Amino acid sequence: MNPTNDKIKGTYNKTVGKIKQEVGKFTDDEDLQGEGVVQQVKGTTQGLYGKVKTAFRDVSHDLGDNIEKLGRKLQDKGYAGIGKKIERAGDRIEHVAD
């Protein structure tokens, strides 16, 4: 799950799509113009998908980290069994998007 790859592919497709669109305009090739527009939309979508993946990863890291801390606090208060289970659950949540 690598959001950077999606962002790079999105930028590539937006750029190539824009070039196709402009070449299509210059050569009066409506098919190439349309193809360029479609590729730009694809690129925009890929870039947004990468941003969503980044946001999901960030949220899962923060949430998981906070749950782990709660588990450690419970252990410190004498609730070792449940505290360890909560800490492990937090660790799994923290790394779900890795």
N, C-alpha and C. Protein backbone atom coordinates (compact mmCIF):
# COMPACT_ATOMS: atom_id res chain seq x y z
N MET A 1 0.85 -1.17 0.00
CA MET A 1 0.00 0.00 0.00
C MET A 1 0.90 1.24 0.00
N ASN A 2 1.34 1.63 -1.15
CA ASN A 2 2.29 2.74 -1.24
C ASN A 2 1.62 3.95 -1.90
N PRO A 3 1.23 4.94 -1.09
CA PRO A 3 0.55 6.10 -1.66
C PRO A 3 1.44 6.94 -2.56
N THR A 4 2.74 6.91 -2.35
CA THR A 4 3.65 7.71 -3.17
C THR A 4 3.59 7.25 -4.62
N ASN A 5 3.53 5.95 -4.85
CA ASN A 5 3.43 5.43 -6.23
C ASN A 5 2.17 5.94 -6.92
N ASP A 6 1.07 5.95 -6.19
CA ASP A 6 -0.19 6.43 -6.77
C ASP A 6 -0.08 7.92 -7.12
N LYS A 7 0.54 8.68 -6.24
CA LYS A 7 0.69 10.12 -6.50
C LYS A 7 1.59 10.36 -7.72
N ILE A 8 2.67 9.59 -7.84
CA ILE A 8 3.58 9.73 -8.98
C ILE A 8 2.87 9.34 -10.28
N LYS A 9 2.17 8.21 -10.26
CA LYS A 9 1.43 7.78 -11.45
C LYS A 9 0.37 8.81 -11.83
N GLY A 10 -0.28 9.38 -10.81
CA GLY A 10 -1.29 10.40 -11.08
C GLY A 10 -0.70 11.62 -11.76
N THR A 11 0.44 12.07 -11.27
CA THR A 11 1.11 13.23 -11.88
C THR A 11 1.53 12.91 -13.31
N TYR A 12 2.06 11.72 -13.51
CA TYR A 12 2.48 11.29 -14.86
C TYR A 12 1.28 11.32 -15.81
N ASN A 13 0.17 10.70 -15.39
CA ASN A 13 -0.99 10.63 -16.27
C ASN A 13 -1.61 12.00 -16.53
N LYS A 14 -1.61 12.86 -15.54
CA LYS A 14 -2.12 14.22 -15.77
C LYS A 14 -1.25 14.96 -16.78
N THR A 15 0.06 14.80 -16.65
CA THR A 15 0.99 15.49 -17.56
C THR A 15 0.87 14.96 -18.98
N VAL A 16 0.91 13.65 -19.13
CA VAL A 16 0.81 13.04 -20.46
C VAL A 16 -0.55 13.36 -21.08
N GLY A 17 -1.59 13.33 -20.25
CA GLY A 17 -2.93 13.66 -20.75
C GLY A 17 -3.01 15.09 -21.27
N LYS A 18 -2.40 16.00 -20.54
CA LYS A 18 -2.40 17.41 -20.97
C LYS A 18 -1.65 17.56 -22.29
N ILE A 19 -0.53 16.86 -22.42
CA ILE A 19 0.24 16.92 -23.68
C ILE A 19 -0.60 16.38 -24.83
N LYS A 20 -1.25 15.24 -24.62
CA LYS A 20 -2.10 14.67 -25.68
C LYS A 20 -3.22 15.64 -26.06
N GLN A 21 -3.81 16.24 -25.04
CA GLN A 21 -4.90 17.18 -25.32
C GLN A 21 -4.41 18.35 -26.16
N GLU A 22 -3.26 18.90 -25.80
CA GLU A 22 -2.73 20.05 -26.53
C GLU A 22 -2.29 19.67 -27.95
N VAL A 23 -1.67 18.50 -28.10
CA VAL A 23 -1.28 18.04 -29.43
C VAL A 23 -2.53 17.81 -30.27
N GLY A 24 -3.56 17.24 -29.65
CA GLY A 24 -4.83 17.04 -30.36
C GLY A 24 -5.45 18.34 -30.82
N LYS A 25 -5.38 19.37 -29.98
CA LYS A 25 -5.89 20.69 -30.38
C LYS A 25 -5.08 21.24 -31.55
N PHE A 26 -3.77 21.13 -31.45
CA PHE A 26 -2.87 21.68 -32.48
C PHE A 26 -3.07 20.98 -33.82
N THR A 27 -3.33 19.67 -33.78
CA THR A 27 -3.47 18.89 -35.02
C THR A 27 -4.93 18.67 -35.43
N ASP A 28 -5.84 19.29 -34.71
CA ASP A 28 -7.28 19.11 -34.95
C ASP A 28 -7.70 17.64 -34.86
N ASP A 29 -7.11 16.91 -33.94
CA ASP A 29 -7.43 15.50 -33.72
C ASP A 29 -8.30 15.40 -32.46
N GLU A 30 -9.62 15.36 -32.68
CA GLU A 30 -10.54 15.34 -31.55
C GLU A 30 -10.40 14.07 -30.71
N ASP A 31 -10.08 12.95 -31.37
CA ASP A 31 -9.89 11.70 -30.62
C ASP A 31 -8.72 11.83 -29.64
N LEU A 32 -7.61 12.39 -30.11
CA LEU A 32 -6.44 12.57 -29.24
C LEU A 32 -6.75 13.56 -28.12
N GLN A 33 -7.50 14.61 -28.45
CA GLN A 33 -7.90 15.56 -27.41
C GLN A 33 -8.71 14.85 -26.32
N GLY A 34 -9.68 14.07 -26.74
CA GLY A 34 -10.52 13.33 -25.79
C GLY A 34 -9.72 12.35 -24.97
N GLU A 35 -8.81 11.66 -25.64
CA GLU A 35 -7.94 10.71 -24.94
C GLU A 35 -7.12 11.43 -23.87
N GLY A 36 -6.66 12.62 -24.20
CA GLY A 36 -5.89 13.41 -23.24
C GLY A 36 -6.71 13.81 -22.03
N VAL A 37 -7.95 14.22 -22.28
CA VAL A 37 -8.83 14.60 -21.17
C VAL A 37 -9.08 13.40 -20.26
N VAL A 38 -9.35 12.26 -20.85
CA VAL A 38 -9.60 11.03 -20.08
C VAL A 38 -8.37 10.68 -19.24
N GLN A 39 -7.19 10.79 -19.84
CA GLN A 39 -5.97 10.46 -19.10
C GLN A 39 -5.71 11.46 -17.96
N GLN A 40 -6.07 12.72 -18.17
CA GLN A 40 -5.94 13.70 -17.10
C GLN A 40 -6.87 13.37 -15.92
N VAL A 41 -8.08 12.96 -16.23
CA VAL A 41 -9.03 12.57 -15.18
C VAL A 41 -8.50 11.35 -14.43
N LYS A 42 -7.97 10.39 -15.18
CA LYS A 42 -7.38 9.21 -14.55
C LYS A 42 -6.25 9.63 -13.61
N GLY A 43 -5.42 10.53 -14.05
CA GLY A 43 -4.31 11.00 -13.23
C GLY A 43 -4.78 11.70 -11.97
N THR A 44 -5.79 12.53 -12.10
CA THR A 44 -6.35 13.21 -10.94
C THR A 44 -6.89 12.21 -9.93
N THR A 45 -7.58 11.21 -10.45
CA THR A 45 -8.15 10.16 -9.58
C THR A 45 -7.04 9.39 -8.88
N GLN A 46 -5.98 9.03 -9.61
CA GLN A 46 -4.86 8.32 -8.98
C GLN A 46 -4.22 9.15 -7.88
N GLY A 47 -4.03 10.41 -8.13
CA GLY A 47 -3.43 11.29 -7.14
C GLY A 47 -4.28 11.40 -5.88
N LEU A 48 -5.59 11.52 -6.07
CA LEU A 48 -6.50 11.58 -4.92
C LEU A 48 -6.50 10.27 -4.14
N TYR A 49 -6.42 9.17 -4.86
CA TYR A 49 -6.37 7.85 -4.21
C TYR A 49 -5.12 7.76 -3.33
N GLY A 50 -4.01 8.24 -3.83
CA GLY A 50 -2.78 8.26 -3.03
C GLY A 50 -2.93 9.11 -1.78
N LYS A 51 -3.61 10.25 -1.91
CA LYS A 51 -3.82 11.12 -0.75
C LYS A 51 -4.73 10.44 0.28
N VAL A 52 -5.75 9.74 -0.19
CA VAL A 52 -6.65 9.02 0.72
C VAL A 52 -5.88 7.93 1.46
N LYS A 53 -5.05 7.20 0.75
CA LYS A 53 -4.26 6.15 1.39
C LYS A 53 -3.32 6.74 2.44
N THR A 54 -2.74 7.88 2.15
CA THR A 54 -1.86 8.53 3.13
C THR A 54 -2.66 8.93 4.37
N ALA A 55 -3.82 9.51 4.17
CA ALA A 55 -4.66 9.93 5.29
C ALA A 55 -5.09 8.73 6.14
N PHE A 56 -5.46 7.63 5.48
CA PHE A 56 -5.87 6.42 6.21
C PHE A 56 -4.70 5.89 7.04
N ARG A 57 -3.53 5.87 6.44
CA ARG A 57 -2.34 5.39 7.17
C ARG A 57 -2.07 6.27 8.38
N ASP A 58 -2.15 7.58 8.20
CA ASP A 58 -1.89 8.50 9.31
C ASP A 58 -2.90 8.31 10.44
N VAL A 59 -4.17 8.17 10.08
CA VAL A 59 -5.21 7.99 11.10
C VAL A 59 -5.01 6.66 11.82
N SER A 60 -4.72 5.59 11.10
CA SER A 60 -4.54 4.29 11.75
C SER A 60 -3.32 4.32 12.67
N HIS A 61 -2.26 5.02 12.29
CA HIS A 61 -1.08 5.13 13.16
C HIS A 61 -1.43 5.87 14.44
N ASP A 62 -2.11 7.00 14.31
CA ASP A 62 -2.45 7.80 15.48
C ASP A 62 -3.42 7.05 16.41
N LEU A 63 -4.45 6.47 15.83
CA LEU A 63 -5.43 5.74 16.62
C LEU A 63 -4.78 4.55 17.33
N GLY A 64 -4.02 3.77 16.58
CA GLY A 64 -3.35 2.60 17.16
C GLY A 64 -2.39 2.99 18.27
N ASP A 65 -1.65 4.06 18.06
CA ASP A 65 -0.69 4.52 19.07
C ASP A 65 -1.42 4.92 20.35
N ASN A 66 -2.53 5.62 20.21
CA ASN A 66 -3.30 6.02 21.39
C ASN A 66 -3.89 4.82 22.13
N ILE A 67 -4.34 3.82 21.40
CA ILE A 67 -4.88 2.62 22.04
C ILE A 67 -3.77 1.86 22.75
N GLU A 68 -2.59 1.78 22.13
CA GLU A 68 -1.44 1.15 22.80
C GLU A 68 -1.13 1.86 24.12
N LYS A 69 -1.11 3.18 24.10
CA LYS A 69 -0.83 3.95 25.33
C LYS A 69 -1.86 3.65 26.41
N LEU A 70 -3.12 3.54 26.01
CA LEU A 70 -4.17 3.20 26.96
C LEU A 70 -3.89 1.83 27.57
N GLY A 71 -3.51 0.87 26.75
CA GLY A 71 -3.20 -0.47 27.25
C GLY A 71 -2.05 -0.44 28.25
N ARG A 72 -1.03 0.36 27.98
CA ARG A 72 0.10 0.46 28.91
C ARG A 72 -0.32 1.12 30.23
N LYS A 73 -1.19 2.13 30.13
CA LYS A 73 -1.68 2.77 31.35
C LYS A 73 -2.48 1.80 32.21
N LEU A 74 -3.30 0.98 31.55
CA LEU A 74 -4.06 -0.02 32.30
C LEU A 74 -3.13 -1.02 32.99
N GLN A 75 -2.06 -1.39 32.27
CA GLN A 75 -1.10 -2.31 32.89
C GLN A 75 -0.44 -1.67 34.11
N ASP A 76 -0.10 -0.41 34.00
CA ASP A 76 0.51 0.32 35.11
C ASP A 76 -0.44 0.42 36.31
N LYS A 77 -1.74 0.42 36.05
CA LYS A 77 -2.73 0.52 37.12
C LYS A 77 -3.07 -0.84 37.72
N GLY A 78 -2.42 -1.90 37.21
CA GLY A 78 -2.64 -3.22 37.77
C GLY A 78 -3.56 -4.12 36.98
N TYR A 79 -3.97 -3.68 35.81
CA TYR A 79 -4.84 -4.49 34.96
C TYR A 79 -4.02 -5.09 33.82
N ALA A 80 -3.10 -5.97 34.20
CA ALA A 80 -2.12 -6.48 33.25
C ALA A 80 -2.75 -7.24 32.08
N GLY A 81 -3.68 -8.13 32.36
CA GLY A 81 -4.27 -8.96 31.31
C GLY A 81 -4.97 -8.16 30.23
N ILE A 82 -5.92 -7.35 30.66
CA ILE A 82 -6.67 -6.56 29.69
C ILE A 82 -5.79 -5.48 29.07
N GLY A 83 -4.88 -4.94 29.85
CA GLY A 83 -3.96 -3.92 29.34
C GLY A 83 -3.11 -4.44 28.20
N LYS A 84 -2.59 -5.67 28.35
CA LYS A 84 -1.76 -6.27 27.28
C LYS A 84 -2.59 -6.52 26.02
N LYS A 85 -3.83 -6.98 26.22
CA LYS A 85 -4.69 -7.23 25.05
C LYS A 85 -4.99 -5.93 24.30
N ILE A 86 -5.27 -4.89 25.05
CA ILE A 86 -5.56 -3.60 24.42
C ILE A 86 -4.32 -3.05 23.73
N GLU A 87 -3.17 -3.20 24.36
CA GLU A 87 -1.93 -2.74 23.75
C GLU A 87 -1.65 -3.48 22.44
N ARG A 88 -1.84 -4.80 22.42
CA ARG A 88 -1.64 -5.57 21.17
C ARG A 88 -2.64 -5.17 20.09
N ALA A 89 -3.89 -4.93 20.50
CA ALA A 89 -4.90 -4.49 19.53
C ALA A 89 -4.50 -3.14 18.93
N GLY A 90 -4.01 -2.25 19.76
CA GLY A 90 -3.55 -0.95 19.27
C GLY A 90 -2.40 -1.09 18.28
N ASP A 91 -1.51 -2.02 18.56
CA ASP A 91 -0.38 -2.26 17.65
C ASP A 91 -0.88 -2.75 16.29
N ARG A 92 -1.86 -3.65 16.31
CA ARG A 92 -2.41 -4.15 15.04
C ARG A 92 -3.10 -3.03 14.26
N ILE A 93 -3.85 -2.20 14.96
CA ILE A 93 -4.53 -1.08 14.30
C ILE A 93 -3.50 -0.10 13.74
N GLU A 94 -2.45 0.15 14.50
CA GLU A 94 -1.42 1.10 14.08
C GLU A 94 -0.77 0.68 12.76
N HIS A 95 -0.66 -0.62 12.54
CA HIS A 95 0.06 -1.10 11.36
C HIS A 95 -0.85 -1.70 10.28
N VAL A 96 -2.15 -1.49 10.40
CA VAL A 96 -3.08 -2.06 9.42
C VAL A 96 -2.85 -1.49 8.02
N ALA A 97 -2.39 -0.28 7.91
CA ALA A 97 -2.24 0.35 6.60
C ALA A 97 -0.79 0.32 6.08
N ASP A 98 0.08 -0.37 6.79
CA ASP A 98 1.48 -0.42 6.34
C ASP A 98 1.69 -1.38 5.19
